[in-house]
Amino acid sequence: MRGALESGLMRALLRRADSRAFPVVVGAVAVAATLSMSVPFATLLVAAVLMAPRRWGGIAVWASLGAALGAALLYLAFHHLGWARLFAAYPDVVRSSAWADATRWLSTYGVAALLVIAATPLPMTPALMFAAISRLPIAEVVFALWIGKLAKYLVYAWLASRFPERALRRGQRHADALGAILARAVSTARAPRNDARPSGEAR
């Protein structure tokens, strides 16, 4: 299921890569990936930037907005479930170390911990679950998630937009150096042959 969804989202990006609305499409994909709670959006974000590297800034902004919207919808769903049904529906999550860390950090630092978690590769779902059932203010939660995601996605997108160009330049330099070495080797190999011809003819 996860693989099929991820492949479908990737195809949606490919179909719209040349569209002027491509950053908005990336935002919609971010909503779907966030709601799935299983598809890693960072991979899709990097792929989207590679499809349109010059638009990396807009892609990152819309991706963060989409992720924040998806998180807001999940917050409402988790809040509606409550403690008992949440534990029954997601037993693996509430027994994980990520859940223990999220509950400790949110209990100590509140919404600020969400911003830090969102800005790092740490799992987001356990923290969002705890925020929802702890009834942290939804506006503050969504704002913290948006700022954290925006910071992270801007870094990811910038790096992805620069990587191909640097890799191509580096590859071109290696190719030029290899070509020069081969050219010298060929010219060196031809020189003795040219020198040997006159002596052979004199004989």
N, C-alpha and C. Protein backbone atom coordinates (compact mmCIF):
# COMPACT_ATOMS: atom_id res chain seq x y z
N MET A 1 0.84 -1.21 0.00
CA MET A 1 0.00 0.00 0.00
C MET A 1 0.87 1.25 0.00
N ARG A 2 1.86 1.27 0.88
CA ARG A 2 2.73 2.44 0.96
C ARG A 2 3.48 2.66 -0.34
N GLY A 3 4.00 1.55 -0.92
CA GLY A 3 4.75 1.67 -2.17
C GLY A 3 3.87 2.16 -3.31
N ALA A 4 2.63 1.68 -3.37
CA ALA A 4 1.71 2.10 -4.42
C ALA A 4 1.37 3.58 -4.29
N LEU A 5 1.14 4.02 -3.06
CA LEU A 5 0.83 5.43 -2.83
C LEU A 5 2.02 6.32 -3.20
N GLU A 6 3.20 5.90 -2.78
CA GLU A 6 4.39 6.69 -3.09
C GLU A 6 4.62 6.77 -4.59
N SER A 7 4.43 5.65 -5.29
CA SER A 7 4.58 5.65 -6.75
C SER A 7 3.54 6.56 -7.42
N GLY A 8 2.31 6.52 -6.90
CA GLY A 8 1.26 7.38 -7.45
C GLY A 8 1.56 8.85 -7.26
N LEU A 9 2.07 9.21 -6.10
CA LEU A 9 2.43 10.61 -5.84
C LEU A 9 3.59 11.05 -6.72
N MET A 10 4.55 10.14 -6.93
CA MET A 10 5.67 10.47 -7.80
C MET A 10 5.20 10.69 -9.24
N ARG A 11 4.27 9.87 -9.69
CA ARG A 11 3.73 10.04 -11.05
C ARG A 11 2.98 11.37 -11.17
N ALA A 12 2.27 11.75 -10.11
CA ALA A 12 1.56 13.04 -10.13
C ALA A 12 2.55 14.19 -10.28
N LEU A 13 3.69 14.09 -9.62
CA LEU A 13 4.72 15.12 -9.74
C LEU A 13 5.29 15.15 -11.16
N LEU A 14 5.56 13.99 -11.71
CA LEU A 14 6.14 13.93 -13.05
C LEU A 14 5.19 14.52 -14.10
N ARG A 15 3.89 14.26 -13.95
CA ARG A 15 2.93 14.77 -14.92
C ARG A 15 2.84 16.29 -14.89
N ARG A 16 3.11 16.91 -13.76
CA ARG A 16 2.95 18.35 -13.60
C ARG A 16 4.27 19.11 -13.50
N ALA A 17 5.37 18.44 -13.78
CA ALA A 17 6.69 19.07 -13.58
C ALA A 17 6.88 20.32 -14.42
N ASP A 18 6.27 20.39 -15.59
CA ASP A 18 6.44 21.55 -16.48
C ASP A 18 5.35 22.60 -16.28
N SER A 19 4.44 22.35 -15.38
CA SER A 19 3.34 23.29 -15.17
C SER A 19 3.77 24.47 -14.31
N ARG A 20 3.16 25.62 -14.54
CA ARG A 20 3.45 26.80 -13.73
C ARG A 20 2.97 26.59 -12.30
N ALA A 21 1.98 25.73 -12.14
CA ALA A 21 1.43 25.46 -10.81
C ALA A 21 2.15 24.31 -10.11
N PHE A 22 3.32 23.94 -10.59
CA PHE A 22 4.02 22.79 -10.03
C PHE A 22 4.26 22.91 -8.52
N PRO A 23 4.69 24.06 -7.99
CA PRO A 23 4.87 24.16 -6.52
C PRO A 23 3.58 23.88 -5.75
N VAL A 24 2.44 24.29 -6.31
CA VAL A 24 1.16 24.02 -5.66
C VAL A 24 0.87 22.52 -5.67
N VAL A 25 1.22 21.87 -6.78
CA VAL A 25 1.06 20.42 -6.87
C VAL A 25 1.91 19.72 -5.80
N VAL A 26 3.13 20.22 -5.61
CA VAL A 26 3.99 19.65 -4.58
C VAL A 26 3.34 19.82 -3.20
N GLY A 27 2.71 20.98 -2.98
CA GLY A 27 2.00 21.20 -1.72
C GLY A 27 0.88 20.19 -1.53
N ALA A 28 0.13 19.90 -2.60
CA ALA A 28 -0.95 18.91 -2.51
C ALA A 28 -0.38 17.52 -2.22
N VAL A 29 0.75 17.20 -2.83
CA VAL A 29 1.40 15.92 -2.55
C VAL A 29 1.86 15.85 -1.10
N ALA A 30 2.31 16.98 -0.57
CA ALA A 30 2.72 17.03 0.84
C ALA A 30 1.54 16.74 1.77
N VAL A 31 0.36 17.26 1.42
CA VAL A 31 -0.84 16.98 2.21
C VAL A 31 -1.11 15.48 2.22
N ALA A 32 -1.09 14.86 1.02
CA ALA A 32 -1.39 13.44 0.91
C ALA A 32 -0.36 12.60 1.66
N ALA A 33 0.93 12.95 1.52
CA ALA A 33 1.98 12.18 2.19
C ALA A 33 1.86 12.30 3.70
N THR A 34 1.53 13.50 4.19
CA THR A 34 1.38 13.70 5.63
C THR A 34 0.20 12.92 6.18
N LEU A 35 -0.92 12.94 5.47
CA LEU A 35 -2.10 12.22 5.92
C LEU A 35 -1.89 10.71 5.89
N SER A 36 -1.02 10.24 4.99
CA SER A 36 -0.77 8.80 4.91
C SER A 36 -0.03 8.28 6.14
N MET A 37 0.76 9.14 6.79
CA MET A 37 1.56 8.80 7.96
C MET A 37 2.57 7.68 7.68
N SER A 38 2.82 7.40 6.41
CA SER A 38 3.76 6.32 6.08
C SER A 38 4.70 6.68 4.95
N VAL A 39 4.27 7.56 4.05
CA VAL A 39 5.11 7.93 2.90
C VAL A 39 6.09 9.01 3.33
N PRO A 40 7.40 8.79 3.18
CA PRO A 40 8.38 9.83 3.54
C PRO A 40 8.38 10.95 2.50
N PHE A 41 7.90 12.12 2.90
CA PHE A 41 7.77 13.20 1.93
C PHE A 41 9.11 13.78 1.52
N ALA A 42 10.13 13.67 2.35
CA ALA A 42 11.43 14.26 2.00
C ALA A 42 11.94 13.71 0.67
N THR A 43 11.73 12.43 0.41
CA THR A 43 12.15 11.83 -0.86
C THR A 43 11.41 12.46 -2.02
N LEU A 44 10.11 12.67 -1.86
CA LEU A 44 9.31 13.29 -2.91
C LEU A 44 9.71 14.74 -3.12
N LEU A 45 10.04 15.43 -2.03
CA LEU A 45 10.47 16.82 -2.14
C LEU A 45 11.75 16.93 -2.96
N VAL A 46 12.73 16.11 -2.66
CA VAL A 46 13.99 16.13 -3.40
C VAL A 46 13.74 15.81 -4.87
N ALA A 47 12.88 14.83 -5.14
CA ALA A 47 12.56 14.48 -6.52
C ALA A 47 11.91 15.66 -7.23
N ALA A 48 11.00 16.36 -6.54
CA ALA A 48 10.33 17.51 -7.14
C ALA A 48 11.32 18.62 -7.48
N VAL A 49 12.25 18.87 -6.59
CA VAL A 49 13.25 19.92 -6.84
C VAL A 49 14.15 19.53 -8.02
N LEU A 50 14.49 18.27 -8.13
CA LEU A 50 15.31 17.82 -9.26
C LEU A 50 14.57 17.98 -10.58
N MET A 51 13.25 17.91 -10.52
CA MET A 51 12.45 18.11 -11.74
C MET A 51 12.41 19.58 -12.14
N ALA A 52 12.48 20.48 -11.17
CA ALA A 52 12.43 21.92 -11.44
C ALA A 52 13.36 22.65 -10.48
N PRO A 53 14.67 22.50 -10.65
CA PRO A 53 15.63 23.04 -9.67
C PRO A 53 15.58 24.55 -9.49
N ARG A 54 15.20 25.29 -10.54
CA ARG A 54 15.17 26.75 -10.42
C ARG A 54 14.00 27.24 -9.57
N ARG A 55 13.06 26.37 -9.27
CA ARG A 55 11.88 26.77 -8.50
C ARG A 55 11.92 26.19 -7.08
N TRP A 56 13.12 25.93 -6.61
CA TRP A 56 13.26 25.24 -5.33
C TRP A 56 12.65 26.03 -4.16
N GLY A 57 12.73 27.35 -4.21
CA GLY A 57 12.19 28.15 -3.12
C GLY A 57 10.67 28.02 -3.03
N GLY A 58 9.99 28.20 -4.16
CA GLY A 58 8.53 28.07 -4.18
C GLY A 58 8.08 26.66 -3.81
N ILE A 59 8.84 25.68 -4.27
CA ILE A 59 8.51 24.29 -3.96
C ILE A 59 8.58 24.06 -2.45
N ALA A 60 9.64 24.57 -1.82
CA ALA A 60 9.80 24.40 -0.37
C ALA A 60 8.68 25.10 0.40
N VAL A 61 8.30 26.30 -0.02
CA VAL A 61 7.25 27.05 0.68
C VAL A 61 5.92 26.32 0.59
N TRP A 62 5.55 25.91 -0.63
CA TRP A 62 4.27 25.22 -0.79
C TRP A 62 4.28 23.85 -0.13
N ALA A 63 5.43 23.19 -0.14
CA ALA A 63 5.53 21.89 0.53
C ALA A 63 5.31 22.05 2.03
N SER A 64 5.87 23.10 2.62
CA SER A 64 5.69 23.33 4.06
C SER A 64 4.24 23.67 4.38
N LEU A 65 3.59 24.43 3.52
CA LEU A 65 2.17 24.76 3.72
C LEU A 65 1.31 23.50 3.63
N GLY A 66 1.63 22.65 2.63
CA GLY A 66 0.87 21.40 2.49
C GLY A 66 1.07 20.48 3.69
N ALA A 67 2.31 20.38 4.16
CA ALA A 67 2.59 19.54 5.33
C ALA A 67 1.88 20.08 6.57
N ALA A 68 1.83 21.40 6.72
CA ALA A 68 1.14 22.00 7.87
C ALA A 68 -0.37 21.76 7.79
N LEU A 69 -0.93 21.84 6.58
CA LEU A 69 -2.36 21.57 6.42
C LEU A 69 -2.67 20.11 6.75
N GLY A 70 -1.84 19.20 6.22
CA GLY A 70 -2.04 17.79 6.54
C GLY A 70 -1.93 17.52 8.03
N ALA A 71 -0.98 18.18 8.68
CA ALA A 71 -0.81 18.02 10.12
C ALA A 71 -2.02 18.54 10.88
N ALA A 72 -2.60 19.64 10.41
CA ALA A 72 -3.79 20.20 11.06
C ALA A 72 -4.96 19.21 10.98
N LEU A 73 -5.12 18.58 9.83
CA LEU A 73 -6.19 17.59 9.66
C LEU A 73 -5.96 16.39 10.57
N LEU A 74 -4.71 15.94 10.65
CA LEU A 74 -4.40 14.83 11.56
C LEU A 74 -4.65 15.21 13.01
N TYR A 75 -4.28 16.43 13.37
CA TYR A 75 -4.51 16.93 14.73
C TYR A 75 -5.99 16.80 15.08
N LEU A 76 -6.85 17.25 14.18
CA LEU A 76 -8.29 17.19 14.44
C LEU A 76 -8.76 15.75 14.56
N ALA A 77 -8.22 14.86 13.71
CA ALA A 77 -8.61 13.45 13.77
C ALA A 77 -8.16 12.81 15.08
N PHE A 78 -6.92 13.06 15.47
CA PHE A 78 -6.41 12.49 16.72
C PHE A 78 -7.15 13.05 17.93
N HIS A 79 -7.45 14.34 17.88
CA HIS A 79 -8.16 14.99 18.98
C HIS A 79 -9.56 14.37 19.15
N HIS A 80 -10.19 14.06 18.01
CA HIS A 80 -11.53 13.47 18.05
C HIS A 80 -11.48 12.05 18.61
N LEU A 81 -10.40 11.32 18.33
CA LEU A 81 -10.30 9.93 18.80
C LEU A 81 -10.20 9.87 20.33
N GLY A 82 -9.37 10.73 20.91
CA GLY A 82 -9.16 10.68 22.35
C GLY A 82 -8.16 9.61 22.74
N TRP A 83 -7.83 9.58 24.02
CA TRP A 83 -6.78 8.69 24.52
C TRP A 83 -7.06 7.22 24.24
N ALA A 84 -8.23 6.74 24.67
CA ALA A 84 -8.52 5.30 24.62
C ALA A 84 -8.51 4.78 23.19
N ARG A 85 -9.24 5.46 22.30
CA ARG A 85 -9.31 4.98 20.91
C ARG A 85 -7.99 5.16 20.19
N LEU A 86 -7.24 6.20 20.55
CA LEU A 86 -5.93 6.40 19.93
C LEU A 86 -4.98 5.26 20.29
N PHE A 87 -4.97 4.89 21.55
CA PHE A 87 -4.11 3.79 21.99
C PHE A 87 -4.53 2.48 21.32
N ALA A 88 -5.84 2.29 21.16
CA ALA A 88 -6.33 1.06 20.54
C ALA A 88 -6.03 1.03 19.04
N ALA A 89 -6.08 2.20 18.39
CA ALA A 89 -5.88 2.25 16.93
C ALA A 89 -4.41 2.21 16.55
N TYR A 90 -3.54 2.77 17.41
CA TYR A 90 -2.11 2.85 17.07
C TYR A 90 -1.26 2.33 18.23
N PRO A 91 -1.39 1.05 18.56
CA PRO A 91 -0.63 0.52 19.72
C PRO A 91 0.88 0.56 19.51
N ASP A 92 1.32 0.34 18.27
CA ASP A 92 2.77 0.33 18.02
C ASP A 92 3.38 1.72 18.23
N VAL A 93 2.61 2.76 17.86
CA VAL A 93 3.12 4.12 17.99
C VAL A 93 3.28 4.50 19.46
N VAL A 94 2.26 4.23 20.24
CA VAL A 94 2.28 4.67 21.65
C VAL A 94 3.24 3.84 22.51
N ARG A 95 3.72 2.73 21.97
CA ARG A 95 4.70 1.93 22.70
C ARG A 95 6.13 2.18 22.21
N SER A 96 6.29 3.05 21.23
CA SER A 96 7.61 3.27 20.62
C SER A 96 8.44 4.26 21.44
N SER A 97 9.74 4.24 21.19
CA SER A 97 10.63 5.20 21.86
C SER A 97 10.36 6.62 21.37
N ALA A 98 9.92 6.76 20.11
CA ALA A 98 9.59 8.08 19.59
C ALA A 98 8.43 8.70 20.37
N TRP A 99 7.46 7.86 20.76
CA TRP A 99 6.34 8.35 21.56
C TRP A 99 6.83 8.82 22.93
N ALA A 100 7.69 8.02 23.55
CA ALA A 100 8.21 8.38 24.87
C ALA A 100 8.98 9.70 24.81
N ASP A 101 9.81 9.85 23.78
CA ASP A 101 10.57 11.10 23.63
C ASP A 101 9.64 12.28 23.40
N ALA A 102 8.65 12.10 22.51
CA ALA A 102 7.74 13.20 22.17
C ALA A 102 6.95 13.63 23.39
N THR A 103 6.44 12.68 24.15
CA THR A 103 5.65 13.04 25.33
C THR A 103 6.50 13.77 26.37
N ARG A 104 7.75 13.35 26.52
CA ARG A 104 8.63 14.01 27.49
C ARG A 104 8.96 15.43 27.05
N TRP A 105 9.30 15.59 25.76
CA TRP A 105 9.68 16.92 25.26
C TRP A 105 8.50 17.88 25.27
N LEU A 106 7.33 17.39 24.82
CA LEU A 106 6.16 18.27 24.77
C LEU A 106 5.68 18.63 26.18
N SER A 107 5.81 17.69 27.10
CA SER A 107 5.42 17.99 28.48
C SER A 107 6.33 19.05 29.09
N THR A 108 7.59 19.05 28.67
CA THR A 108 8.57 19.99 29.24
C THR A 108 8.58 21.33 28.51
N TYR A 109 8.57 21.28 27.17
CA TYR A 109 8.78 22.51 26.40
C TYR A 109 7.54 22.99 25.63
N GLY A 110 6.49 22.20 25.60
CA GLY A 110 5.27 22.62 24.93
C GLY A 110 5.41 22.67 23.42
N VAL A 111 4.78 23.68 22.82
CA VAL A 111 4.73 23.79 21.36
C VAL A 111 6.11 24.00 20.76
N ALA A 112 7.02 24.61 21.51
CA ALA A 112 8.38 24.83 21.00
C ALA A 112 9.05 23.51 20.61
N ALA A 113 8.72 22.45 21.34
CA ALA A 113 9.30 21.14 21.00
C ALA A 113 8.81 20.67 19.65
N LEU A 114 7.57 20.99 19.30
CA LEU A 114 7.04 20.61 17.98
C LEU A 114 7.82 21.27 16.87
N LEU A 115 8.16 22.54 17.06
CA LEU A 115 8.93 23.26 16.04
C LEU A 115 10.27 22.57 15.81
N VAL A 116 10.93 22.19 16.89
CA VAL A 116 12.24 21.54 16.77
C VAL A 116 12.10 20.18 16.10
N ILE A 117 11.09 19.41 16.49
CA ILE A 117 10.87 18.09 15.89
C ILE A 117 10.57 18.22 14.41
N ALA A 118 9.74 19.20 14.05
CA ALA A 118 9.37 19.40 12.65
C ALA A 118 10.57 19.81 11.80
N ALA A 119 11.53 20.49 12.40
CA ALA A 119 12.69 20.99 11.66
C ALA A 119 13.80 19.94 11.54
N THR A 120 13.59 18.78 12.14
CA THR A 120 14.60 17.72 12.12
C THR A 120 14.00 16.46 11.50
N PRO A 121 14.85 15.46 11.23
CA PRO A 121 14.31 14.21 10.65
C PRO A 121 13.60 13.31 11.66
N LEU A 122 13.33 13.79 12.87
CA LEU A 122 12.65 12.97 13.88
C LEU A 122 11.22 12.66 13.46
N PRO A 123 10.67 11.51 13.91
CA PRO A 123 9.27 11.16 13.57
C PRO A 123 8.30 12.22 14.08
N MET A 124 7.38 12.64 13.19
CA MET A 124 6.46 13.71 13.53
C MET A 124 5.14 13.20 14.12
N THR A 125 4.70 12.02 13.66
CA THR A 125 3.37 11.53 14.03
C THR A 125 3.19 11.36 15.54
N PRO A 126 4.11 10.74 16.28
CA PRO A 126 3.89 10.60 17.73
C PRO A 126 3.74 11.94 18.44
N ALA A 127 4.55 12.91 18.05
CA ALA A 127 4.46 14.23 18.68
C ALA A 127 3.12 14.89 18.37
N LEU A 128 2.66 14.73 17.13
CA LEU A 128 1.38 15.33 16.74
C LEU A 128 0.22 14.66 17.48
N MET A 129 0.31 13.34 17.65
CA MET A 129 -0.73 12.63 18.41
C MET A 129 -0.81 13.15 19.84
N PHE A 130 0.35 13.26 20.48
CA PHE A 130 0.36 13.71 21.86
C PHE A 130 -0.13 15.15 21.98
N ALA A 131 0.24 15.99 21.02
CA ALA A 131 -0.22 17.38 21.03
C ALA A 131 -1.74 17.44 20.91
N ALA A 132 -2.30 16.56 20.08
CA ALA A 132 -3.75 16.59 19.86
C ALA A 132 -4.51 16.13 21.10
N ILE A 133 -4.07 15.03 21.70
CA ILE A 133 -4.83 14.53 22.85
C ILE A 133 -4.52 15.31 24.12
N SER A 134 -3.43 16.09 24.09
CA SER A 134 -3.12 16.97 25.21
C SER A 134 -3.82 18.32 25.08
N ARG A 135 -4.49 18.51 23.95
CA ARG A 135 -5.26 19.72 23.69
C ARG A 135 -4.41 20.97 23.66
N LEU A 136 -3.22 20.85 23.08
CA LEU A 136 -2.43 22.05 22.83
C LEU A 136 -3.15 22.89 21.78
N PRO A 137 -3.07 24.21 21.85
CA PRO A 137 -3.81 25.06 20.90
C PRO A 137 -3.47 24.74 19.45
N ILE A 138 -4.50 24.45 18.65
CA ILE A 138 -4.26 24.00 17.27
C ILE A 138 -3.55 25.07 16.45
N ALA A 139 -3.87 26.34 16.66
CA ALA A 139 -3.22 27.41 15.89
C ALA A 139 -1.72 27.44 16.18
N GLU A 140 -1.36 27.32 17.44
CA GLU A 140 0.06 27.32 17.80
C GLU A 140 0.76 26.06 17.27
N VAL A 141 0.07 24.93 17.33
CA VAL A 141 0.65 23.67 16.84
C VAL A 141 0.92 23.76 15.34
N VAL A 142 -0.06 24.22 14.58
CA VAL A 142 0.09 24.30 13.12
C VAL A 142 1.16 25.32 12.75
N PHE A 143 1.19 26.45 13.45
CA PHE A 143 2.20 27.46 13.15
C PHE A 143 3.61 26.92 13.43
N ALA A 144 3.77 26.23 14.55
CA ALA A 144 5.09 25.66 14.88
C ALA A 144 5.50 24.62 13.85
N LEU A 145 4.55 23.79 13.45
CA LEU A 145 4.86 22.77 12.44
C LEU A 145 5.23 23.41 11.11
N TRP A 146 4.51 24.46 10.74
CA TRP A 146 4.80 25.12 9.47
C TRP A 146 6.20 25.73 9.47
N ILE A 147 6.54 26.45 10.53
CA ILE A 147 7.86 27.08 10.60
C ILE A 147 8.97 26.03 10.59
N GLY A 148 8.77 24.96 11.36
CA GLY A 148 9.77 23.90 11.39
C GLY A 148 9.93 23.22 10.05
N LYS A 149 8.81 22.88 9.42
CA LYS A 149 8.86 22.24 8.10
C LYS A 149 9.45 23.18 7.06
N LEU A 150 9.11 24.46 7.13
CA LEU A 150 9.64 25.42 6.17
C LEU A 150 11.16 25.48 6.27
N ALA A 151 11.68 25.55 7.48
CA ALA A 151 13.14 25.59 7.67
C ALA A 151 13.79 24.33 7.10
N LYS A 152 13.22 23.18 7.41
CA LYS A 152 13.81 21.92 6.93
C LYS A 152 13.71 21.80 5.42
N TYR A 153 12.55 22.11 4.87
CA TYR A 153 12.36 21.93 3.43
C TYR A 153 13.18 22.92 2.62
N LEU A 154 13.40 24.13 3.15
CA LEU A 154 14.25 25.09 2.45
C LEU A 154 15.68 24.55 2.35
N VAL A 155 16.16 23.95 3.42
CA VAL A 155 17.51 23.36 3.39
C VAL A 155 17.57 22.20 2.40
N TYR A 156 16.59 21.29 2.49
CA TYR A 156 16.57 20.14 1.59
C TYR A 156 16.50 20.58 0.13
N ALA A 157 15.60 21.54 -0.13
CA ALA A 157 15.39 21.98 -1.51
C ALA A 157 16.62 22.69 -2.06
N TRP A 158 17.23 23.52 -1.24
CA TRP A 158 18.43 24.23 -1.70
C TRP A 158 19.55 23.26 -2.02
N LEU A 159 19.77 22.29 -1.15
CA LEU A 159 20.81 21.30 -1.39
C LEU A 159 20.51 20.49 -2.64
N ALA A 160 19.25 20.09 -2.81
CA ALA A 160 18.89 19.31 -4.00
C ALA A 160 19.06 20.12 -5.27
N SER A 161 18.76 21.42 -5.22
CA SER A 161 18.88 22.26 -6.41
C SER A 161 20.34 22.49 -6.79
N ARG A 162 21.24 22.46 -5.81
CA ARG A 162 22.66 22.70 -6.08
C ARG A 162 23.40 21.41 -6.42
N PHE A 163 22.94 20.29 -5.92
CA PHE A 163 23.69 19.04 -6.09
C PHE A 163 23.89 18.66 -7.55
N PRO A 164 22.85 18.65 -8.39
CA PRO A 164 23.08 18.22 -9.78
C PRO A 164 24.09 19.10 -10.51
N GLU A 165 24.00 20.42 -10.30
CA GLU A 165 24.92 21.33 -10.98
C GLU A 165 26.36 21.06 -10.56
N ARG A 166 26.57 20.89 -9.25
CA ARG A 166 27.92 20.61 -8.77
C ARG A 166 28.42 19.26 -9.27
N ALA A 167 27.51 18.28 -9.25
CA ALA A 167 27.91 16.95 -9.70
C ALA A 167 28.28 16.96 -11.17
N LEU A 168 27.51 17.69 -11.98
CA LEU A 168 27.81 17.77 -13.40
C LEU A 168 29.14 18.47 -13.66
N ARG A 169 29.38 19.57 -12.92
CA ARG A 169 30.65 20.28 -13.10
C ARG A 169 31.82 19.40 -12.69
N ARG A 170 31.65 18.69 -11.58
CA ARG A 170 32.72 17.81 -11.13
C ARG A 170 32.96 16.68 -12.13
N GLY A 171 31.86 16.11 -12.63
CA GLY A 171 31.99 15.05 -13.62
C GLY A 171 32.65 15.56 -14.89
N GLN A 172 32.32 16.79 -15.29
CA GLN A 172 32.94 17.36 -16.49
C GLN A 172 34.43 17.58 -16.29
N ARG A 173 34.81 18.03 -15.08
CA ARG A 173 36.23 18.22 -14.81
C ARG A 173 36.98 16.89 -14.86
N HIS A 174 36.38 15.85 -14.30
CA HIS A 174 37.01 14.53 -14.35
C HIS A 174 37.12 14.03 -15.79
N ALA A 175 36.06 14.27 -16.56
CA ALA A 175 36.09 13.83 -17.96
C ALA A 175 37.15 14.58 -18.74
N ASP A 176 37.28 15.89 -18.50
CA ASP A 176 38.31 16.68 -19.20
C ASP A 176 39.71 16.20 -18.82
N ALA A 177 39.91 15.93 -17.51
CA ALA A 177 41.22 15.46 -17.06
C ALA A 177 41.55 14.10 -17.67
N LEU A 178 40.57 13.22 -17.72
CA LEU A 178 40.78 11.90 -18.30
C LEU A 178 41.08 12.02 -19.80
N GLY A 179 40.36 12.92 -20.47
CA GLY A 179 40.61 13.14 -21.90
C GLY A 179 42.01 13.65 -22.16
N ALA A 180 42.47 14.56 -21.30
CA ALA A 180 43.84 15.08 -21.46
C ALA A 180 44.87 13.98 -21.26
N ILE A 181 44.64 13.12 -20.26
CA ILE A 181 45.58 12.02 -20.00
C ILE A 181 45.62 11.06 -21.18
N LEU A 182 44.45 10.74 -21.70
CA LEU A 182 44.40 9.83 -22.86
C LEU A 182 45.06 10.45 -24.08
N ALA A 183 44.85 11.76 -24.26
CA ALA A 183 45.47 12.43 -25.40
C ALA A 183 46.99 12.39 -25.31
N ARG A 184 47.52 12.63 -24.10
CA ARG A 184 48.98 12.56 -23.92
C ARG A 184 49.50 11.14 -24.14
N ALA A 185 48.73 10.16 -23.64
CA ALA A 185 49.16 8.77 -23.81
C ALA A 185 49.20 8.38 -25.27
N VAL A 186 48.20 8.81 -26.04
CA VAL A 186 48.15 8.48 -27.47
C VAL A 186 49.28 9.16 -28.22
N SER A 187 49.52 10.45 -27.90
CA SER A 187 50.60 11.16 -28.59
C SER A 187 51.96 10.57 -28.24
N THR A 188 52.14 10.13 -27.00
CA THR A 188 53.39 9.50 -26.59
C THR A 188 53.59 8.16 -27.30
N ALA A 189 52.51 7.42 -27.46
CA ALA A 189 52.61 6.13 -28.15
C ALA A 189 52.90 6.29 -29.62
N ARG A 190 52.41 7.36 -30.24
CA ARG A 190 52.64 7.57 -31.67
C ARG A 190 54.05 8.06 -31.96
N ALA A 191 54.64 8.79 -31.01
CA ALA A 191 55.95 9.38 -31.26
C ALA A 191 57.02 8.33 -31.54
N PRO A 192 57.17 7.25 -30.77
CA PRO A 192 58.20 6.26 -31.08
C PRO A 192 58.00 5.61 -32.44
N ARG A 193 56.72 5.42 -32.83
CA ARG A 193 56.44 4.82 -34.12
C ARG A 193 56.93 5.71 -35.25
N ASN A 194 56.68 7.00 -35.09
CA ASN A 194 57.13 7.94 -36.13
C ASN A 194 58.65 7.99 -36.20
N ASP A 195 59.31 7.87 -35.02
CA ASP A 195 60.77 7.89 -35.01
C ASP A 195 61.35 6.62 -35.59
N ALA A 196 60.62 5.52 -35.50
CA ALA A 196 61.15 4.23 -35.96
C ALA A 196 61.06 4.08 -37.46
N ARG A 197 60.14 4.76 -38.12
CA ARG A 197 59.96 4.61 -39.56
C ARG A 197 61.19 4.97 -40.38
N PRO A 198 61.84 6.09 -40.15
CA PRO A 198 62.99 6.43 -41.00
C PRO A 198 64.12 5.40 -40.89
N SER A 199 64.39 4.90 -39.67
CA SER A 199 65.46 3.92 -39.52
C SER A 199 65.13 2.66 -40.28
N GLY A 200 63.85 2.27 -40.30
CA GLY A 200 63.45 1.06 -41.02
C GLY A 200 63.62 1.26 -42.51
N GLU A 201 63.29 2.43 -43.00
CA GLU A 201 63.40 2.71 -44.43
C GLU A 201 64.87 2.76 -44.85
N ALA A 202 65.80 3.21 -44.01
CA ALA A 202 67.22 3.30 -44.35
C ALA A 202 67.79 1.92 -44.56
N ARG A 203 67.26 0.97 -43.82
CA ARG A 203 67.74 -0.38 -43.98
C ARG A 203 67.29 -0.90 -45.33
